Amino acid sequence: MDTLGLLALSPPGWGGTLLVGLWASIRIAVGAFGLGLAIGLAGAYGKIYGGPVLRDCLAVYTTVVRALPELILILLLYFGLTDLVNKLMLASGYGRIQISGVTAGVLVLGVVQGAYATEVLRGAILAVPSGQIEAARAMGMPAGKIARRITIPTMLGLALPGLSNLWLIATKDTALLAIVGFNELTLATRQAAGTTKAFFTFFIAAGVIYLVISMLSTWGFARLEAWARRGDPPRTAGGG
């Protein structure tokens, strides 16, 4: 069978299988990135404004996650998280449950993303001019309103380059879920290549798909960063 036939959307082509795997990868990446942002924002505020115990716990979390290889973390969290949830269900008098692959993938990668997002957002928050926050406090603005009106909008433009990298990492880390048997793009590619023995064709196709996702994501985040920085003063040629 020629290359076009192998990549056809309908059988005996495997294009449809690759697209199903791609859709699963995108769903997990989006969910994990969103969960990571939520964890990261809470973690960043906790590290800056929390008490000593909270700061120490967050320091352990970010240090451990960033120190261990992501494949090991995925194996530990994927199987450990499922086992922990079922033990809690049994202890509460309920039966065991089967966590879907998408849900488990989002939770596992979200925890990993959260550790990195914590540091990215913490740095961006600390880069917000302190005078703006002090002025808001002097006007009697509550902490929640300061975060919504000043801190988060101001730090968004500073954090987006780092968050862009985290999104790209999330899209690629979905490939690691193939090791636990989740049918995302990489596993679908391996199945197609193993069945047809056309390894070069299918892995090149998967590489092109990841490249397209990366290019579109880079373009989208660049536009988003330009929007977030629309009120910033223009930069001079010397970077001042």
Protein backbone atom coordinates (compact mmCIF):
# COMPACT_ATOMS: atom_id res chain seq x y z
CA MET A 1 0.00 0.00 0.00
CA ASP A 2 1.34 3.47 -0.88
CA THR A 3 1.80 6.32 1.59
CA LEU A 4 -1.51 8.02 0.78
CA GLY A 5 -3.32 4.73 1.22
CA LEU A 6 -1.67 4.13 4.60
CA LEU A 7 -2.69 7.59 5.82
CA ALA A 8 -6.25 7.46 4.43
CA LEU A 9 -8.93 8.32 6.97
CA SER A 10 -10.97 5.18 6.34
CA PRO A 11 -9.76 1.54 6.63
CA PRO A 12 -7.50 0.01 5.55
CA GLY A 13 -5.81 3.42 6.05
CA TRP A 14 -4.80 4.49 9.54
CA GLY A 15 -5.38 8.25 9.25
CA GLY A 16 -8.61 8.08 11.22
CA THR A 17 -6.89 6.19 14.04
CA LEU A 18 -4.19 8.86 14.21
CA LEU A 19 -6.82 11.62 14.38
CA VAL A 20 -8.62 9.85 17.23
CA GLY A 21 -5.31 9.63 19.08
CA LEU A 22 -4.61 13.30 18.33
CA TRP A 23 -8.00 14.32 19.74
CA ALA A 24 -7.29 12.37 22.93
CA SER A 25 -3.86 14.02 23.23
CA ILE A 26 -5.33 17.51 22.78
CA ARG A 27 -8.08 16.91 25.35
CA ILE A 28 -5.55 15.74 27.93
CA ALA A 29 -3.12 18.57 27.16
CA VAL A 30 -5.86 21.22 27.50
CA GLY A 31 -7.20 19.72 30.72
CA ALA A 32 -3.73 19.26 32.24
CA PHE A 33 -2.66 22.78 31.28
CA GLY A 34 -5.81 24.27 32.82
CA LEU A 35 -5.43 22.23 36.00
CA GLY A 36 -1.74 23.15 36.13
CA LEU A 37 -2.61 26.84 35.86
CA ALA A 38 -5.07 26.58 38.74
CA ILE A 39 -2.55 24.72 40.91
CA GLY A 40 0.23 27.09 39.83
CA LEU A 41 -1.71 30.24 40.67
CA ALA A 42 -2.69 28.91 44.09
CA GLY A 43 0.86 27.66 44.66
CA ALA A 44 2.42 30.96 43.63
CA TYR A 45 0.25 32.96 46.02
CA GLY A 46 0.88 30.36 48.72
CA LYS A 47 4.65 30.63 48.31
CA ILE A 48 4.55 34.43 48.44
CA TYR A 49 1.88 35.15 51.00
CA GLY A 50 1.36 31.83 52.84
CA GLY A 51 2.59 30.83 56.27
CA PRO A 52 5.83 28.93 56.92
CA VAL A 53 4.19 25.48 56.87
CA LEU A 54 2.39 26.13 53.59
CA ARG A 55 5.51 27.57 51.99
CA ASP A 56 7.54 24.54 53.09
CA CYS A 57 4.94 22.11 51.73
CA LEU A 58 4.85 23.92 48.40
CA ALA A 59 8.64 23.98 48.26
CA VAL A 60 8.73 20.20 48.73
CA TYR A 61 6.05 19.74 46.03
CA THR A 62 7.78 21.88 43.40
CA THR A 63 11.23 20.50 44.22
CA VAL A 64 10.20 16.83 44.05
CA VAL A 65 8.17 17.19 40.86
CA ARG A 66 10.89 19.15 39.06
CA ALA A 67 13.65 16.84 40.28
CA LEU A 68 12.16 13.48 39.25
CA PRO A 69 11.97 12.39 35.60
CA GLU A 70 8.47 12.94 34.25
CA LEU A 71 8.10 9.32 33.15
CA ILE A 72 8.66 8.12 36.73
CA LEU A 73 6.19 10.70 38.04
CA ILE A 74 3.58 9.61 35.51
CA LEU A 75 3.97 5.95 36.48
CA LEU A 76 3.81 6.77 40.20
CA LEU A 77 0.86 9.12 39.93
CA TYR A 78 -1.07 7.13 37.31
CA PHE A 79 -1.08 3.89 39.28
CA GLY A 80 -0.73 5.40 42.75
CA LEU A 81 -3.56 7.90 42.27
CA THR A 82 -5.93 5.23 41.01
CA ASP A 83 -5.04 2.97 43.95
CA LEU A 84 -5.45 5.81 46.47
CA VAL A 85 -8.88 6.80 45.13
CA ASN A 86 -10.11 3.19 45.29
CA LYS A 87 -8.77 2.74 48.82
CA LEU A 88 -10.64 5.87 49.91
CA MET A 89 -13.80 4.62 48.18
CA LEU A 90 -13.56 1.22 49.91
CA ALA A 91 -12.87 2.88 53.28
CA SER A 92 -16.02 4.98 52.80
CA GLY A 93 -18.13 1.92 52.09
CA TYR A 94 -18.28 2.29 48.34
CA GLY A 95 -17.08 -0.05 45.65
CA ARG A 96 -13.98 0.31 43.49
CA ILE A 97 -14.24 2.64 40.53
CA GLN A 98 -12.46 2.68 37.21
CA ILE A 99 -10.96 6.10 36.47
CA SER A 100 -11.08 6.89 32.76
CA GLY A 101 -7.82 7.27 30.90
CA VAL A 102 -8.58 10.90 30.04
CA THR A 103 -9.35 11.81 33.65
CA ALA A 104 -6.27 10.05 34.97
CA GLY A 105 -4.11 11.63 32.27
CA VAL A 106 -5.38 15.12 33.06
CA LEU A 107 -4.82 14.67 36.80
CA VAL A 108 -1.34 13.20 36.39
CA LEU A 109 -0.03 15.76 33.91
CA GLY A 110 -1.89 18.54 35.74
CA VAL A 111 0.06 17.82 38.93
CA VAL A 112 3.31 17.91 36.96
CA GLN A 113 2.33 21.11 35.16
CA GLY A 114 1.28 22.71 38.44
CA ALA A 115 4.77 22.51 39.92
CA TYR A 116 6.34 24.32 36.98
CA ALA A 117 3.47 26.80 36.70
CA THR A 118 3.90 27.67 40.39
CA GLU A 119 7.43 28.91 39.76
CA VAL A 120 6.55 30.68 36.49
CA LEU A 121 3.64 32.54 38.07
CA ARG A 122 5.51 33.26 41.31
CA GLY A 123 8.27 34.98 39.34
CA ALA A 124 5.72 36.95 37.32
CA ILE A 125 3.86 38.07 40.45
CA LEU A 126 7.08 39.21 42.10
CA ALA A 127 7.90 41.20 38.95
CA VAL A 128 4.72 43.29 39.28
CA PRO A 129 5.76 46.82 40.38
CA SER A 130 5.27 47.01 44.13
CA GLY A 131 4.17 50.65 43.87
CA GLN A 132 0.96 49.63 42.08
CA ILE A 133 0.03 47.19 44.82
CA GLU A 134 0.93 49.65 47.60
CA ALA A 135 -1.19 52.35 45.95
CA ALA A 136 -4.15 49.96 45.75
CA ARG A 137 -3.76 49.05 49.41
CA ALA A 138 -3.56 52.73 50.34
CA MET A 139 -6.91 53.22 48.61
CA GLY A 140 -8.43 50.48 50.74
CA MET A 141 -8.72 47.91 47.96
CA PRO A 142 -9.17 44.37 49.37
CA ALA A 143 -6.65 41.63 48.53
CA GLY A 144 -8.98 39.77 46.18
CA LYS A 145 -9.72 42.90 44.18
CA ILE A 146 -6.01 43.76 44.01
CA ALA A 147 -5.35 40.32 42.53
CA ARG A 148 -8.15 40.65 39.94
CA ARG A 149 -7.57 44.27 38.97
CA ILE A 150 -3.79 44.69 39.27
CA THR A 151 -1.65 41.63 39.99
CA ILE A 152 -3.08 39.06 37.57
CA PRO A 153 -3.57 41.42 34.57
CA THR A 154 -0.10 42.91 35.03
CA MET A 155 1.74 39.63 35.53
CA LEU A 156 -0.06 37.92 32.63
CA GLY A 157 2.17 39.45 29.98
CA LEU A 158 5.24 38.56 32.04
CA ALA A 159 4.14 34.95 32.55
CA LEU A 160 2.95 34.12 29.02
CA PRO A 161 6.37 33.20 27.54
CA GLY A 162 6.88 30.67 30.34
CA LEU A 163 3.29 29.45 30.11
CA SER A 164 3.71 29.00 26.37
CA ASN A 165 6.61 26.65 27.04
CA LEU A 166 4.53 24.75 29.60
CA TRP A 167 1.73 24.29 27.06
CA LEU A 168 4.16 22.88 24.51
CA ILE A 169 5.55 20.56 27.18
CA ALA A 170 2.00 19.42 28.01
CA THR A 171 1.29 18.54 24.37
CA LYS A 172 4.47 16.46 24.20
CA ASP A 173 4.10 14.88 27.64
CA THR A 174 0.85 13.25 26.52
CA ALA A 175 3.09 10.91 24.53
CA LEU A 176 4.45 9.53 27.83
CA LEU A 177 0.97 8.21 28.65
CA ALA A 178 1.48 5.59 25.95
CA ILE A 179 3.64 3.72 28.48
CA VAL A 180 0.53 3.05 30.60
CA GLY A 181 -1.51 2.02 27.58
CA PHE A 182 -3.53 5.18 27.01
CA ASN A 183 -4.55 5.44 23.36
CA GLU A 184 -3.17 8.89 22.49
CA LEU A 185 -1.36 9.92 19.32
CA THR A 186 1.95 8.21 20.06
CA LEU A 187 0.38 4.86 20.94
CA ALA A 188 -1.89 5.07 17.89
CA THR A 189 1.20 5.75 15.77
CA ARG A 190 3.02 2.75 17.25
CA GLN A 191 0.03 0.51 16.61
CA ALA A 192 -0.25 1.67 13.00
CA ALA A 193 3.48 1.31 12.38
CA GLY A 194 3.65 -2.11 14.07
CA THR A 195 0.73 -3.45 12.07
CA THR A 196 1.81 -2.15 8.66
CA LYS A 197 5.61 -2.18 9.28
CA ALA A 198 5.67 1.31 7.72
CA PHE A 199 7.53 2.78 10.70
CA PHE A 200 9.12 5.67 8.83
CA THR A 201 5.83 6.80 7.28
CA PHE A 202 3.82 6.87 10.49
CA PHE A 203 6.46 8.34 12.78
CA ILE A 204 7.16 11.08 10.24
CA ALA A 205 3.39 11.73 10.11
CA ALA A 206 3.24 11.96 13.91
CA GLY A 207 6.25 14.29 13.94
CA VAL A 208 4.57 16.57 11.40
CA ILE A 209 1.39 16.65 13.51
CA TYR A 210 3.34 17.64 16.63
CA LEU A 211 5.23 20.27 14.62
CA VAL A 212 1.98 21.80 13.34
CA ILE A 213 0.58 21.90 16.88
CA SER A 214 3.77 23.60 18.08
CA MET A 215 3.71 26.22 15.31
CA LEU A 216 0.03 27.04 15.82
CA SER A 217 0.52 27.22 19.60
CA THR A 218 3.53 29.52 19.26
CA TRP A 219 1.56 31.83 16.96
CA GLY A 220 -1.43 31.83 19.31
CA PHE A 221 0.60 32.60 22.42
CA ALA A 222 2.47 35.37 20.58
CA ARG A 223 -0.86 37.00 19.74
CA LEU A 224 -2.06 36.54 23.30
CA GLU A 225 1.14 38.06 24.70
CA ALA A 226 0.78 41.05 22.36
CA TRP A 227 -2.78 41.52 23.64
CA ALA A 228 -1.69 41.22 27.29
CA ARG A 229 1.08 43.79 26.77
CA ARG A 230 -1.05 46.23 24.78
CA GLY A 231 -0.83 48.88 27.51
CA ASP A 232 2.91 48.59 28.07
CA PRO A 233 5.14 51.45 26.97
CA PRO A 234 6.93 50.84 23.64
CA ARG A 235 10.37 49.27 23.89
CA THR A 236 13.37 51.21 22.68
CA ALA A 237 16.06 49.80 20.41
CA GLY A 238 18.39 49.51 23.39
CA GLY A 239 15.84 47.48 25.37
CA GLY A 240 15.13 50.31 27.83
